[in-house]
Amino acid sequence: MKPKSSFTVNRKEVGIFFLIAYLLPYLLGIFMGYSFYQGNDVSIFPNAQMYYPAAGVILAFLITRKSDAMPKRFYIGFLITAAIMAIGCVLSCFLFQQSMFWALFSNYVVILSSIILWILLLTEKKEKRFAFGLTFSGHGKKKPFLYVGIFLLLYFARILISSFFDGSYTQLAELFSTPYPWVMLVSLPINFFLVFTAFFGEEYGWRYYLQPLLQNRFGKRAGVLLLGVIWGLWHLPINIFYYSPDTWLQSIVAQQITCISLGVFFAYAYMKTENIWVPVILHFLNNNLVVVFTGTASSISNQVIRWTDILILLVINAICFLPFLLSKVFREDEKNSIG
């Protein structure tokens, strides 16, 4: 699809977005690297980084758009949370080093901010939430949980196929013979309400704001694929200093595969529903089901990734997610109206 000639971009708005959403994580990545080589716990950095895309959107809107319909209480509350997390990242390099203080600090900020921001969001007028893509019913589209269900089926299929490739199916069966994964599954809905701000922080930036801009400029398919690349590279400091310090190059490649393939399905679900909460829930499930299937939250960090693991990931994710690029929603000619 050719980009629409009538499409215009507020360059100042986009510049502010990228300054906060993209440049800030790289600048703080310098602090993250310093803290990592000091032997400190750096888990606050990936938690904080999830807030920056939405913070970039919100700050760009507040500066460049003059609208009485803006949900300012929610927006300002979110910006304060993002600022607290960013300041915590810098302070973690110099105070209470080599302890779990900052991991606990970030967890408490996420939980407390989620409770407060739910209140601020729900007390905003419905027209304000609607004008800035925050309504729970989207823009009149139906069946949002259909796409959550499809994602869960695909996620479970990926896990089962992968377990047969790497021979971990026996450990998986043993794990699910214990109460732990079942308790974790049941607790997921409660956990979502207590940590939603972090996942909203990414999806409001990537899917709500940047996806429509890229699709209008490059076309629906190419725009989503480019977004996947941008989203993957955004993780670079986390790949190097948190996810997989010993195999960081493999981690970067795996991140690209994950973000491009998952990004296709997240985009598909968002375009079908026009409801930002759908990709927010999908992102939450994708990150938190890891704990269910591995039995530990520590499996996210210090991974050792083999090139054979990357090949398996590429094949499985391509089979599960890339076919959605052929769906009707990516073939429609009319201009994307989301955002």
C-alpha atoms as a PDB file:
ATOM      1  CA  MET A   1       0.000   0.000   0.000  1.00  0.00           C
ATOM      2  CA  LYS A   2       1.408   3.392  -0.916  1.00  0.00           C
ATOM      3  CA  PRO A   3       1.531   6.029   1.799  1.00  0.00           C
ATOM      4  CA  LYS A   4      -1.248   8.589   1.699  1.00  0.00           C
ATOM      5  CA  SER A   5      -0.109  11.900   0.260  1.00  0.00           C
ATOM      6  CA  SER A   6      -2.408  13.754   2.672  1.00  0.00           C
ATOM      7  CA  PHE A   7      -0.704  12.252   5.707  1.00  0.00           C
ATOM      8  CA  THR A   8       1.223  14.821   7.716  1.00  0.00           C
ATOM      9  CA  VAL A   9       3.389  14.427  10.795  1.00  0.00           C
ATOM     10  CA  ASN A  10       3.891  16.906  13.598  1.00  0.00           C
ATOM     11  CA  ARG A  11       7.689  16.711  13.614  1.00  0.00           C
ATOM     12  CA  LYS A  12       7.998  18.373  17.010  1.00  0.00           C
ATOM     13  CA  GLU A  13       5.606  15.846  18.533  1.00  0.00           C
ATOM     14  CA  VAL A  14       7.412  12.875  16.978  1.00  0.00           C
ATOM     15  CA  GLY A  15      10.770  14.317  18.032  1.00  0.00           C
ATOM     16  CA  ILE A  16       9.670  14.589  21.661  1.00  0.00           C
ATOM     17  CA  PHE A  17       8.339  11.033  21.524  1.00  0.00           C
ATOM     18  CA  PHE A  18      11.620   9.585  20.249  1.00  0.00           C
ATOM     19  CA  LEU A  19      13.666  11.702  22.654  1.00  0.00           C
ATOM     20  CA  ILE A  20      11.910  10.176  25.667  1.00  0.00           C
ATOM     21  CA  ALA A  21      10.928   6.758  24.319  1.00  0.00           C
ATOM     22  CA  TYR A  22      14.177   5.930  22.524  1.00  0.00           C
ATOM     23  CA  LEU A  23      17.071   8.210  23.426  1.00  0.00           C
ATOM     24  CA  LEU A  24      16.413   8.136  27.180  1.00  0.00           C
ATOM     25  CA  PRO A  25      16.782   4.321  27.450  1.00  0.00           C
ATOM     26  CA  TYR A  26      20.116   4.503  25.634  1.00  0.00           C
ATOM     27  CA  LEU A  27      21.371   7.326  27.857  1.00  0.00           C
ATOM     28  CA  LEU A  28      20.308   5.444  30.968  1.00  0.00           C
ATOM     29  CA  GLY A  29      21.886   2.367  29.402  1.00  0.00           C
ATOM     30  CA  ILE A  30      25.245   4.029  30.174  1.00  0.00           C
ATOM     31  CA  PHE A  31      24.302   4.059  33.864  1.00  0.00           C
ATOM     32  CA  MET A  32      23.023   0.503  33.547  1.00  0.00           C
ATOM     33  CA  GLY A  33      26.331  -0.658  32.086  1.00  0.00           C
ATOM     34  CA  TYR A  34      28.288   1.138  34.820  1.00  0.00           C
ATOM     35  CA  SER A  35      26.145  -0.441  37.536  1.00  0.00           C
ATOM     36  CA  PHE A  36      26.380  -3.877  35.913  1.00  0.00           C
ATOM     37  CA  TYR A  37      30.175  -3.789  35.847  1.00  0.00           C
ATOM     38  CA  GLN A  38      30.149  -2.688  39.491  1.00  0.00           C
ATOM     39  CA  GLY A  39      28.389  -5.958  40.254  1.00  0.00           C
ATOM     40  CA  ASN A  40      25.101  -4.324  41.230  1.00  0.00           C
ATOM     41  CA  ASP A  41      21.571  -5.565  40.691  1.00  0.00           C
ATOM     42  CA  VAL A  42      20.283  -3.759  37.568  1.00  0.00           C
ATOM     43  CA  SER A  43      16.718  -5.114  37.491  1.00  0.00           C
ATOM     44  CA  ILE A  44      15.243  -1.644  38.072  1.00  0.00           C
ATOM     45  CA  PHE A  45      16.437  -0.560  34.613  1.00  0.00           C
ATOM     46  CA  PRO A  46      14.263  -2.902  32.485  1.00  0.00           C
ATOM     47  CA  ASN A  47      11.271  -2.220  34.744  1.00  0.00           C
ATOM     48  CA  ALA A  48      11.744   1.529  34.366  1.00  0.00           C
ATOM     49  CA  GLN A  49      12.386   1.352  30.620  1.00  0.00           C
ATOM     50  CA  MET A  50       8.894  -0.007  29.999  1.00  0.00           C
ATOM     51  CA  TYR A  51       7.473   3.372  31.064  1.00  0.00           C
ATOM     52  CA  TYR A  52       9.358   5.546  28.612  1.00  0.00           C
ATOM     53  CA  PRO A  53       7.394   4.961  25.345  1.00  0.00           C
ATOM     54  CA  ALA A  54       4.082   6.052  26.890  1.00  0.00           C
ATOM     55  CA  ALA A  55       5.843   8.846  28.742  1.00  0.00           C
ATOM     56  CA  GLY A  56       7.157  10.051  25.368  1.00  0.00           C
ATOM     57  CA  VAL A  57       3.659  10.059  23.877  1.00  0.00           C
ATOM     58  CA  ILE A  58       2.124  11.790  26.862  1.00  0.00           C
ATOM     59  CA  LEU A  59       4.777  14.492  27.092  1.00  0.00           C
ATOM     60  CA  ALA A  60       4.543  15.084  23.334  1.00  0.00           C
ATOM     61  CA  PHE A  61       0.752  15.455  23.572  1.00  0.00           C
ATOM     62  CA  LEU A  62       0.911  17.811  26.561  1.00  0.00           C
ATOM     63  CA  ILE A  63       3.454  20.055  24.834  1.00  0.00           C
ATOM     64  CA  THR A  64       2.135  20.105  21.270  1.00  0.00           C
ATOM     65  CA  ARG A  65      -1.610  19.478  21.505  1.00  0.00           C
ATOM     66  CA  LYS A  66      -4.072  21.881  23.036  1.00  0.00           C
ATOM     67  CA  SER A  67      -7.170  19.939  23.920  1.00  0.00           C
ATOM     68  CA  ASP A  68      -9.738  20.204  26.697  1.00  0.00           C
ATOM     69  CA  ALA A  69     -10.494  16.516  26.112  1.00  0.00           C
ATOM     70  CA  MET A  70      -7.048  15.386  27.276  1.00  0.00           C
ATOM     71  CA  PRO A  71      -7.032  13.037  30.330  1.00  0.00           C
ATOM     72  CA  LYS A  72      -4.493  15.217  32.128  1.00  0.00           C
ATOM     73  CA  ARG A  73      -4.812  13.700  35.610  1.00  0.00           C
ATOM     74  CA  PHE A  74      -3.966  10.251  34.306  1.00  0.00           C
ATOM     75  CA  TYR A  75      -1.266  11.596  32.015  1.00  0.00           C
ATOM     76  CA  ILE A  76       0.477  13.624  34.719  1.00  0.00           C
ATOM     77  CA  GLY A  77       0.261  10.722  37.163  1.00  0.00           C
ATOM     78  CA  PHE A  78       1.922   8.469  34.611  1.00  0.00           C
ATOM     79  CA  LEU A  79       4.696  10.994  33.919  1.00  0.00           C
ATOM     80  CA  ILE A  80       5.426  11.267  37.645  1.00  0.00           C
ATOM     81  CA  THR A  81       5.712   7.483  37.857  1.00  0.00           C
ATOM     82  CA  ALA A  82       8.081   7.345  34.872  1.00  0.00           C
ATOM     83  CA  ALA A  83      10.204  10.122  36.396  1.00  0.00           C
ATOM     84  CA  ILE A  84      10.438   8.330  39.745  1.00  0.00           C
ATOM     85  CA  MET A  85      11.557   5.134  37.992  1.00  0.00           C
ATOM     86  CA  ALA A  86      14.169   6.975  35.909  1.00  0.00           C
ATOM     87  CA  ILE A  87      15.555   8.786  38.959  1.00  0.00           C
ATOM     88  CA  GLY A  88      15.667   5.456  40.788  1.00  0.00           C
ATOM     89  CA  CYS A  89      17.796   4.022  37.967  1.00  0.00           C
ATOM     90  CA  VAL A  90      20.403   6.759  38.345  1.00  0.00           C
ATOM     91  CA  LEU A  91      20.442   6.583  42.150  1.00  0.00           C
ATOM     92  CA  SER A  92      20.829   2.791  42.044  1.00  0.00           C
ATOM     93  CA  CYS A  93      24.320   3.270  40.614  1.00  0.00           C
ATOM     94  CA  PHE A  94      25.503   5.074  43.740  1.00  0.00           C
ATOM     95  CA  LEU A  95      23.241   4.186  46.677  1.00  0.00           C
ATOM     96  CA  PHE A  96      22.370   0.839  48.325  1.00  0.00           C
ATOM     97  CA  GLN A  97      24.559  -0.991  45.832  1.00  0.00           C
ATOM     98  CA  GLN A  98      24.826  -4.773  45.664  1.00  0.00           C
ATOM     99  CA  SER A  99      21.499  -5.272  47.417  1.00  0.00           C
ATOM    100  CA  MET A 100      17.901  -5.995  46.453  1.00  0.00           C
ATOM    101  CA  PHE A 101      16.763  -2.542  47.560  1.00  0.00           C
ATOM    102  CA  TRP A 102      16.216  -1.169  44.064  1.00  0.00           C
ATOM    103  CA  ALA A 103      14.458  -4.311  42.815  1.00  0.00           C
ATOM    104  CA  LEU A 104      11.994  -3.984  45.698  1.00  0.00           C
ATOM    105  CA  PHE A 105      11.754  -0.226  45.141  1.00  0.00           C
ATOM    106  CA  SER A 106      10.782  -0.661  41.486  1.00  0.00           C
ATOM    107  CA  ASN A 107       8.257  -3.387  42.320  1.00  0.00           C
ATOM    108  CA  TYR A 108       6.578  -1.223  44.940  1.00  0.00           C
ATOM    109  CA  VAL A 109       6.480   1.769  42.584  1.00  0.00           C
ATOM    110  CA  VAL A 110       4.878  -0.368  39.860  1.00  0.00           C
ATOM    111  CA  ILE A 111       2.210  -1.715  42.222  1.00  0.00           C
ATOM    112  CA  LEU A 112       1.430   1.571  43.957  1.00  0.00           C
ATOM    113  CA  SER A 113       1.359   3.524  40.696  1.00  0.00           C
ATOM    114  CA  SER A 114      -0.945   0.953  39.113  1.00  0.00           C
ATOM    115  CA  ILE A 115      -3.470   1.337  41.930  1.00  0.00           C
ATOM    116  CA  ILE A 116      -3.338   5.135  41.815  1.00  0.00           C
ATOM    117  CA  LEU A 117      -3.440   5.324  38.011  1.00  0.00           C
ATOM    118  CA  TRP A 118      -6.450   3.010  37.835  1.00  0.00           C
ATOM    119  CA  ILE A 119      -8.260   5.511  40.053  1.00  0.00           C
ATOM    120  CA  LEU A 120      -7.099   8.470  37.982  1.00  0.00           C
ATOM    121  CA  LEU A 121      -8.022   6.746  34.720  1.00  0.00           C
ATOM    122  CA  LEU A 122     -11.487   5.642  35.831  1.00  0.00           C
ATOM    123  CA  THR A 123     -12.315   9.090  37.171  1.00  0.00           C
ATOM    124  CA  GLU A 124     -11.480  10.745  33.840  1.00  0.00           C
ATOM    125  CA  LYS A 125     -14.520  11.543  31.729  1.00  0.00           C
ATOM    126  CA  LYS A 126     -15.379   8.911  29.142  1.00  0.00           C
ATOM    127  CA  GLU A 127     -15.032  11.353  26.240  1.00  0.00           C
ATOM    128  CA  LYS A 128     -11.479  12.150  27.361  1.00  0.00           C
ATOM    129  CA  ARG A 129     -10.581   8.470  27.501  1.00  0.00           C
ATOM    130  CA  PHE A 130     -12.163   7.940  24.101  1.00  0.00           C
ATOM    131  CA  ALA A 131     -10.372  10.886  22.476  1.00  0.00           C
ATOM    132  CA  PHE A 132      -6.972   9.527  23.465  1.00  0.00           C
ATOM    133  CA  GLY A 133      -7.515   5.813  22.948  1.00  0.00           C
ATOM    134  CA  LEU A 134      -7.994   4.819  26.580  1.00  0.00           C
ATOM    135  CA  THR A 135     -11.504   3.365  26.586  1.00  0.00           C
ATOM    136  CA  PHE A 136     -11.920  -0.289  27.473  1.00  0.00           C
ATOM    137  CA  SER A 137     -14.383  -0.879  24.647  1.00  0.00           C
ATOM    138  CA  GLY A 138     -12.080   0.534  21.986  1.00  0.00           C
ATOM    139  CA  HIS A 139     -13.762   2.435  19.167  1.00  0.00           C
ATOM    140  CA  GLY A 140     -16.847   0.265  18.794  1.00  0.00           C
ATOM    141  CA  LYS A 141     -15.079  -2.927  17.784  1.00  0.00           C
ATOM    142  CA  LYS A 142     -16.238  -6.188  19.363  1.00  0.00           C
ATOM    143  CA  LYS A 143     -14.750  -9.364  20.826  1.00  0.00           C
ATOM    144  CA  PRO A 144     -11.466  -8.065  22.260  1.00  0.00           C
ATOM    145  CA  PHE A 145     -10.973 -11.216  24.309  1.00  0.00           C
ATOM    146  CA  LEU A 146     -11.220 -13.368  21.198  1.00  0.00           C
ATOM    147  CA  TYR A 147      -7.733 -12.186  20.274  1.00  0.00           C
ATOM    148  CA  VAL A 148      -6.481 -12.781  23.808  1.00  0.00           C
ATOM    149  CA  GLY A 149      -7.742 -16.343  23.480  1.00  0.00           C
ATOM    150  CA  ILE A 150      -6.041 -16.802  20.104  1.00  0.00           C
ATOM    151  CA  PHE A 151      -2.789 -15.535  21.547  1.00  0.00           C
ATOM    152  CA  LEU A 152      -2.998 -17.926  24.498  1.00  0.00           C
ATOM    153  CA  LEU A 153      -3.521 -20.869  22.142  1.00  0.00           C
ATOM    154  CA  LEU A 154      -0.521 -19.815  20.065  1.00  0.00           C
ATOM    155  CA  TYR A 155       1.588 -19.241  23.166  1.00  0.00           C
ATOM    156  CA  PHE A 156       0.825 -22.694  24.570  1.00  0.00           C
ATOM    157  CA  ALA A 157       1.482 -24.257  21.157  1.00  0.00           C
ATOM    158  CA  ARG A 158       4.880 -22.537  20.994  1.00  0.00           C
ATOM    159  CA  ILE A 159       5.818 -23.804  24.449  1.00  0.00           C
ATOM    160  CA  LEU A 160       4.813 -27.386  23.652  1.00  0.00           C
ATOM    161  CA  ILE A 161       6.617 -27.448  20.303  1.00  0.00           C
ATOM    162  CA  SER A 162       9.710 -25.853  21.806  1.00  0.00           C
ATOM    163  CA  SER A 163       9.759 -28.335  24.703  1.00  0.00           C
ATOM    164  CA  PHE A 164       9.966 -31.214  22.237  1.00  0.00           C
ATOM    165  CA  PHE A 165      12.782 -29.502  20.325  1.00  0.00           C
ATOM    166  CA  ASP A 166      14.938 -28.926  23.409  1.00  0.00           C
ATOM    167  CA  GLY A 167      13.874 -32.028  25.341  1.00  0.00           C
ATOM    168  CA  SER A 168      12.343 -30.104  28.250  1.00  0.00           C
ATOM    169  CA  TYR A 169       8.880 -31.653  27.939  1.00  0.00           C
ATOM    170  CA  THR A 170       9.522 -34.023  30.873  1.00  0.00           C
ATOM    171  CA  GLN A 171      10.461 -31.108  33.148  1.00  0.00           C
ATOM    172  CA  LEU A 172       7.392 -29.249  31.918  1.00  0.00           C
ATOM    173  CA  ALA A 173       5.165 -32.199  32.781  1.00  0.00           C
ATOM    174  CA  GLU A 174       6.763 -32.463  36.227  1.00  0.00           C
ATOM    175  CA  LEU A 175       6.254 -28.746  36.843  1.00  0.00           C
ATOM    176  CA  PHE A 176       2.560 -28.912  35.986  1.00  0.00           C
ATOM    177  CA  SER A 177       2.108 -31.862  38.328  1.00  0.00           C
ATOM    178  CA  THR A 178       2.728 -29.380  41.184  1.00  0.00           C
ATOM    179  CA  PRO A 179       0.333 -26.641  42.387  1.00  0.00           C
ATOM    180  CA  TYR A 180       2.767 -23.793  41.535  1.00  0.00           C
ATOM    181  CA  PRO A 181       1.926 -23.155  37.848  1.00  0.00           C
ATOM    182  CA  TRP A 182      -1.803 -23.514  38.458  1.00  0.00           C
ATOM    183  CA  VAL A 183      -1.711 -21.000  41.303  1.00  0.00           C
ATOM    184  CA  MET A 184       0.275 -18.621  39.113  1.00  0.00           C
ATOM    185  CA  LEU A 185      -2.223 -18.994  36.264  1.00  0.00           C
ATOM    186  CA  VAL A 186      -5.171 -18.236  38.535  1.00  0.00           C
ATOM    187  CA  SER A 187      -3.401 -15.191  39.992  1.00  0.00           C
ATOM    188  CA  LEU A 188      -2.593 -13.636  36.598  1.00  0.00           C
ATOM    189  CA  PRO A 189      -5.772 -11.483  36.367  1.00  0.00           C
ATOM    190  CA  ILE A 190      -5.113 -10.019  39.820  1.00  0.00           C
ATOM    191  CA  ASN A 191      -1.462  -9.434  38.996  1.00  0.00           C
ATOM    192  CA  PHE A 192      -2.418  -7.592  35.815  1.00  0.00           C
ATOM    193  CA  PHE A 193      -4.355  -4.952  37.713  1.00  0.00           C
ATOM    194  CA  LEU A 194      -1.404  -4.469  40.068  1.00  0.00           C
ATOM    195  CA  VAL A 195       1.266  -4.053  37.372  1.00  0.00           C
ATOM    196  CA  PHE A 196      -0.594  -2.792  34.296  1.00  0.00           C
ATOM    197  CA  THR A 197       1.260   0.532  34.146  1.00  0.00           C
ATOM    198  CA  ALA A 198       4.485  -1.092  32.922  1.00  0.00           C
ATOM    199  CA  PHE A 199       2.803  -2.869  30.000  1.00  0.00           C
ATOM    200  CA  PHE A 200       0.646   0.127  29.180  1.00  0.00           C
ATOM    201  CA  GLY A 201       3.910   2.058  29.199  1.00  0.00           C
ATOM    202  CA  GLU A 202       5.178   0.138  26.186  1.00  0.00           C
ATOM    203  CA  GLU A 203       1.989  -0.462  24.224  1.00  0.00           C
ATOM    204  CA  TYR A 204       0.649   3.087  24.353  1.00  0.00           C
ATOM    205  CA  GLY A 205       3.905   4.159  22.733  1.00  0.00           C
ATOM    206  CA  TRP A 206       4.423   1.355  20.218  1.00  0.00           C
ATOM    207  CA  ARG A 207       0.935   0.275  19.175  1.00  0.00           C
ATOM    208  CA  TYR A 208      -1.221   3.340  19.872  1.00  0.00           C
ATOM    209  CA  TYR A 209       1.191   6.035  18.698  1.00  0.00           C
ATOM    210  CA  LEU A 210       4.044   4.761  16.540  1.00  0.00           C
ATOM    211  CA  GLN A 211       2.302   1.947  14.668  1.00  0.00           C
ATOM    212  CA  PRO A 212      -0.227   4.199  12.878  1.00  0.00           C
ATOM    213  CA  LEU A 213       2.528   6.689  11.994  1.00  0.00           C
ATOM    214  CA  LEU A 214       4.702   4.016  10.399  1.00  0.00           C
ATOM    215  CA  GLN A 215       1.777   2.329   8.650  1.00  0.00           C
ATOM    216  CA  ASN A 216       0.620   5.592   7.123  1.00  0.00           C
ATOM    217  CA  ARG A 217       4.135   6.302   5.918  1.00  0.00           C
ATOM    218  CA  PHE A 218       5.305   2.854   4.777  1.00  0.00           C
ATOM    219  CA  GLY A 219       2.137   0.788   4.418  1.00  0.00           C
ATOM    220  CA  LYS A 220       0.380  -1.545   6.797  1.00  0.00           C
ATOM    221  CA  ARG A 221       2.688  -4.542   6.496  1.00  0.00           C
ATOM    222  CA  ALA A 222       6.007  -2.735   6.092  1.00  0.00           C
ATOM    223  CA  GLY A 223       5.085  -0.295   8.876  1.00  0.00           C
ATOM    224  CA  VAL A 224       4.460  -3.118  11.342  1.00  0.00           C
ATOM    225  CA  LEU A 225       7.653  -4.948  10.374  1.00  0.00           C
ATOM    226  CA  LEU A 226       9.661  -1.738  10.766  1.00  0.00           C
ATOM    227  CA  LEU A 227       8.050  -1.182  14.157  1.00  0.00           C
ATOM    228  CA  GLY A 228       9.197  -4.674  15.160  1.00  0.00           C
ATOM    229  CA  VAL A 229      12.796  -3.779  14.276  1.00  0.00           C
ATOM    230  CA  ILE A 230      12.580  -0.476  16.190  1.00  0.00           C
ATOM    231  CA  TRP A 231      10.995  -2.204  19.178  1.00  0.00           C
ATOM    232  CA  GLY A 232      13.688  -4.887  19.148  1.00  0.00           C
ATOM    233  CA  LEU A 233      16.597  -2.424  19.023  1.00  0.00           C
ATOM    234  CA  TRP A 234      15.001  -0.441  21.845  1.00  0.00           C
ATOM    235  CA  HIS A 235      15.808  -3.437  24.102  1.00  0.00           C
ATOM    236  CA  LEU A 236      19.547  -3.224  23.348  1.00  0.00           C
ATOM    237  CA  PRO A 237      20.795  -2.101  26.816  1.00  0.00           C
ATOM    238  CA  ILE A 238      18.596  -4.740  28.461  1.00  0.00           C
ATOM    239  CA  ASN A 239      19.877  -7.468  26.133  1.00  0.00           C
ATOM    240  CA  ILE A 240      23.499  -6.639  26.902  1.00  0.00           C
ATOM    241  CA  PHE A 241      23.351  -5.979  30.640  1.00  0.00           C
ATOM    242  CA  TYR A 242      20.323  -7.952  31.880  1.00  0.00           C
ATOM    243  CA  TYR A 243      18.786 -10.608  29.657  1.00  0.00           C
ATOM    244  CA  SER A 244      21.966 -12.291  28.461  1.00  0.00           C
ATOM    245  CA  PRO A 245      25.282 -10.602  29.303  1.00  0.00           C
ATOM    246  CA  ASP A 246      27.349 -13.660  28.329  1.00  0.00           C
ATOM    247  CA  THR A 247      25.584 -14.203  24.990  1.00  0.00           C
ATOM    248  CA  TRP A 248      24.431 -10.669  24.246  1.00  0.00           C
ATOM    249  CA  LEU A 249      24.764 -10.941  20.465  1.00  0.00           C
ATOM    250  CA  GLN A 250      22.465 -13.954  20.373  1.00  0.00           C
ATOM    251  CA  SER A 251      20.116 -12.081  22.691  1.00  0.00           C
ATOM    252  CA  ILE A 252      19.918  -9.129  20.296  1.00  0.00           C
ATOM    253  CA  VAL A 253      19.132 -11.431  17.360  1.00  0.00           C
ATOM    254  CA  ALA A 254      16.540 -13.332  19.408  1.00  0.00           C
ATOM    255  CA  GLN A 255      15.003 -10.005  20.450  1.00  0.00           C
ATOM    256  CA  GLN A 256      14.571  -8.990  16.815  1.00  0.00           C
ATOM    257  CA  ILE A 257      12.845 -12.278  15.989  1.00  0.00           C
ATOM    258  CA  THR A 258      10.583 -11.957  19.025  1.00  0.00           C
ATOM    259  CA  CYS A 259       9.639  -8.310  18.516  1.00  0.00           C
ATOM    260  CA  ILE A 260       9.013  -8.607  14.779  1.00  0.00           C
ATOM    261  CA  SER A 261       6.899 -11.767  15.065  1.00  0.00           C
ATOM    262  CA  LEU A 262       5.024 -10.798  18.223  1.00  0.00           C
ATOM    263  CA  GLY A 263       4.649  -7.294  16.836  1.00  0.00           C
ATOM    264  CA  VAL A 264       2.739  -8.716  13.865  1.00  0.00           C
ATOM    265  CA  PHE A 265       0.175 -10.376  16.114  1.00  0.00           C
ATOM    266  CA  PHE A 266      -0.046  -7.434  18.529  1.00  0.00           C
ATOM    267  CA  ALA A 267      -0.637  -5.136  15.547  1.00  0.00           C
ATOM    268  CA  TYR A 268      -3.211  -7.533  14.107  1.00  0.00           C
ATOM    269  CA  ALA A 269      -5.127  -7.671  17.403  1.00  0.00           C
ATOM    270  CA  TYR A 270      -4.977  -3.904  17.810  1.00  0.00           C
ATOM    271  CA  MET A 271      -6.136  -3.187  14.267  1.00  0.00           C
ATOM    272  CA  LYS A 272      -9.022  -5.661  14.641  1.00  0.00           C
ATOM    273  CA  THR A 273     -10.211  -4.240  17.960  1.00  0.00           C
ATOM    274  CA  GLU A 274      -8.959  -0.619  17.962  1.00  0.00           C
ATOM    275  CA  ASN A 275      -8.547  -1.226  21.694  1.00  0.00           C
ATOM    276  CA  ILE A 276      -5.142  -0.497  23.246  1.00  0.00           C
ATOM    277  CA  TRP A 277      -5.941  -2.677  26.241  1.00  0.00           C
ATOM    278  CA  VAL A 278      -5.819  -5.779  24.060  1.00  0.00           C
ATOM    279  CA  PRO A 279      -2.078  -5.492  23.237  1.00  0.00           C
ATOM    280  CA  VAL A 280      -1.459  -4.356  26.825  1.00  0.00           C
ATOM    281  CA  ILE A 281      -2.985  -7.634  28.064  1.00  0.00           C
ATOM    282  CA  LEU A 282      -1.136  -9.640  25.392  1.00  0.00           C
ATOM    283  CA  HIS A 283       2.176  -8.072  26.415  1.00  0.00           C
ATOM    284  CA  PHE A 284       1.469  -8.812  30.075  1.00  0.00           C
ATOM    285  CA  LEU A 285       0.650 -12.434  29.294  1.00  0.00           C
ATOM    286  CA  ASN A 286       3.699 -12.892  27.086  1.00  0.00           C
ATOM    287  CA  ASN A 287       6.031 -11.677  29.845  1.00  0.00           C
ATOM    288  CA  ASN A 288       4.344 -13.281  32.833  1.00  0.00           C
ATOM    289  CA  LEU A 289       3.562 -16.701  31.411  1.00  0.00           C
ATOM    290  CA  VAL A 290       7.327 -17.241  31.296  1.00  0.00           C
ATOM    291  CA  VAL A 291       7.247 -17.498  35.085  1.00  0.00           C
ATOM    292  CA  VAL A 292       4.388 -20.015  34.891  1.00  0.00           C
ATOM    293  CA  PHE A 293       6.209 -22.320  32.468  1.00  0.00           C
ATOM    294  CA  THR A 294       9.693 -22.055  33.987  1.00  0.00           C
ATOM    295  CA  GLY A 295       8.715 -22.016  37.633  1.00  0.00           C
ATOM    296  CA  THR A 296      10.931 -19.020  38.459  1.00  0.00           C
ATOM    297  CA  ALA A 297      11.136 -15.310  37.705  1.00  0.00           C
ATOM    298  CA  SER A 298      14.938 -15.485  37.629  1.00  0.00           C
ATOM    299  CA  SER A 299      14.844 -17.269  34.260  1.00  0.00           C
ATOM    300  CA  ILE A 300      14.368 -13.913  32.527  1.00  0.00           C
ATOM    301  CA  SER A 301      17.847 -12.624  33.391  1.00  0.00           C
ATOM    302  CA  ASN A 302      21.336 -14.008  32.756  1.00  0.00           C
ATOM    303  CA  GLN A 303      20.156 -16.350  30.032  1.00  0.00           C
ATOM    304  CA  VAL A 304      22.643 -18.328  27.975  1.00  0.00           C
ATOM    305  CA  ILE A 305      21.285 -18.422  24.417  1.00  0.00           C
ATOM    306  CA  ARG A 306      22.617 -20.807  21.784  1.00  0.00           C
ATOM    307  CA  TRP A 307      22.418 -20.188  18.051  1.00  0.00           C
ATOM    308  CA  THR A 308      20.352 -23.382  17.774  1.00  0.00           C
ATOM    309  CA  ASP A 309      17.863 -21.800  20.216  1.00  0.00           C
ATOM    310  CA  ILE A 310      17.588 -18.829  17.874  1.00  0.00           C
ATOM    311  CA  LEU A 311      16.927 -21.065  14.886  1.00  0.00           C
ATOM    312  CA  ILE A 312      14.161 -22.878  16.769  1.00  0.00           C
ATOM    313  CA  LEU A 313      12.692 -19.535  17.878  1.00  0.00           C
ATOM    314  CA  LEU A 314      12.740 -18.243  14.305  1.00  0.00           C
ATOM    315  CA  VAL A 315      10.939 -21.281  12.906  1.00  0.00           C
ATOM    316  CA  ILE A 316       8.293 -21.524  15.635  1.00  0.00           C
ATOM    317  CA  ASN A 317       7.498 -17.797  15.788  1.00  0.00           C
ATOM    318  CA  ALA A 318       7.399 -17.505  11.997  1.00  0.00           C
ATOM    319  CA  ILE A 319       4.898 -20.363  11.801  1.00  0.00           C
ATOM    320  CA  CYS A 320       2.729 -19.057  14.638  1.00  0.00           C
ATOM    321  CA  PHE A 321       2.647 -15.312  14.006  1.00  0.00           C
ATOM    322  CA  LEU A 322       3.820 -14.233  10.561  1.00  0.00           C
ATOM    323  CA  PRO A 323       0.810 -15.739   8.702  1.00  0.00           C
ATOM    324  CA  PHE A 324      -1.322 -12.983  10.261  1.00  0.00           C
ATOM    325  CA  LEU A 325       0.355 -10.586   7.808  1.00  0.00           C
ATOM    326  CA  LEU A 326      -1.840 -12.221   5.157  1.00  0.00           C
ATOM    327  CA  SER A 327      -5.047 -11.369   7.004  1.00  0.00           C
ATOM    328  CA  LYS A 328      -7.581  -8.981   5.549  1.00  0.00           C
ATOM    329  CA  VAL A 329      -6.828  -6.206   8.025  1.00  0.00           C
ATOM    330  CA  PHE A 330      -3.346  -5.847   6.500  1.00  0.00           C
ATOM    331  CA  ARG A 331      -4.741  -5.784   2.957  1.00  0.00           C
ATOM    332  CA  GLU A 332      -7.331  -3.066   3.370  1.00  0.00           C
ATOM    333  CA  ASP A 333      -6.601   0.074   1.349  1.00  0.00           C
ATOM    334  CA  GLU A 334      -8.252   2.665   3.517  1.00  0.00           C
ATOM    335  CA  LYS A 335      -6.075   4.826   5.710  1.00  0.00           C
ATOM    336  CA  ASN A 336      -5.455   3.525   9.202  1.00  0.00           C
ATOM    337  CA  SER A 337      -7.574   5.643  11.541  1.00  0.00           C
ATOM    338  CA  ILE A 338      -6.138   4.445  14.848  1.00  0.00           C
ATOM    339  CA  GLY A 339      -4.540   7.118  16.998  1.00  0.00           C
END
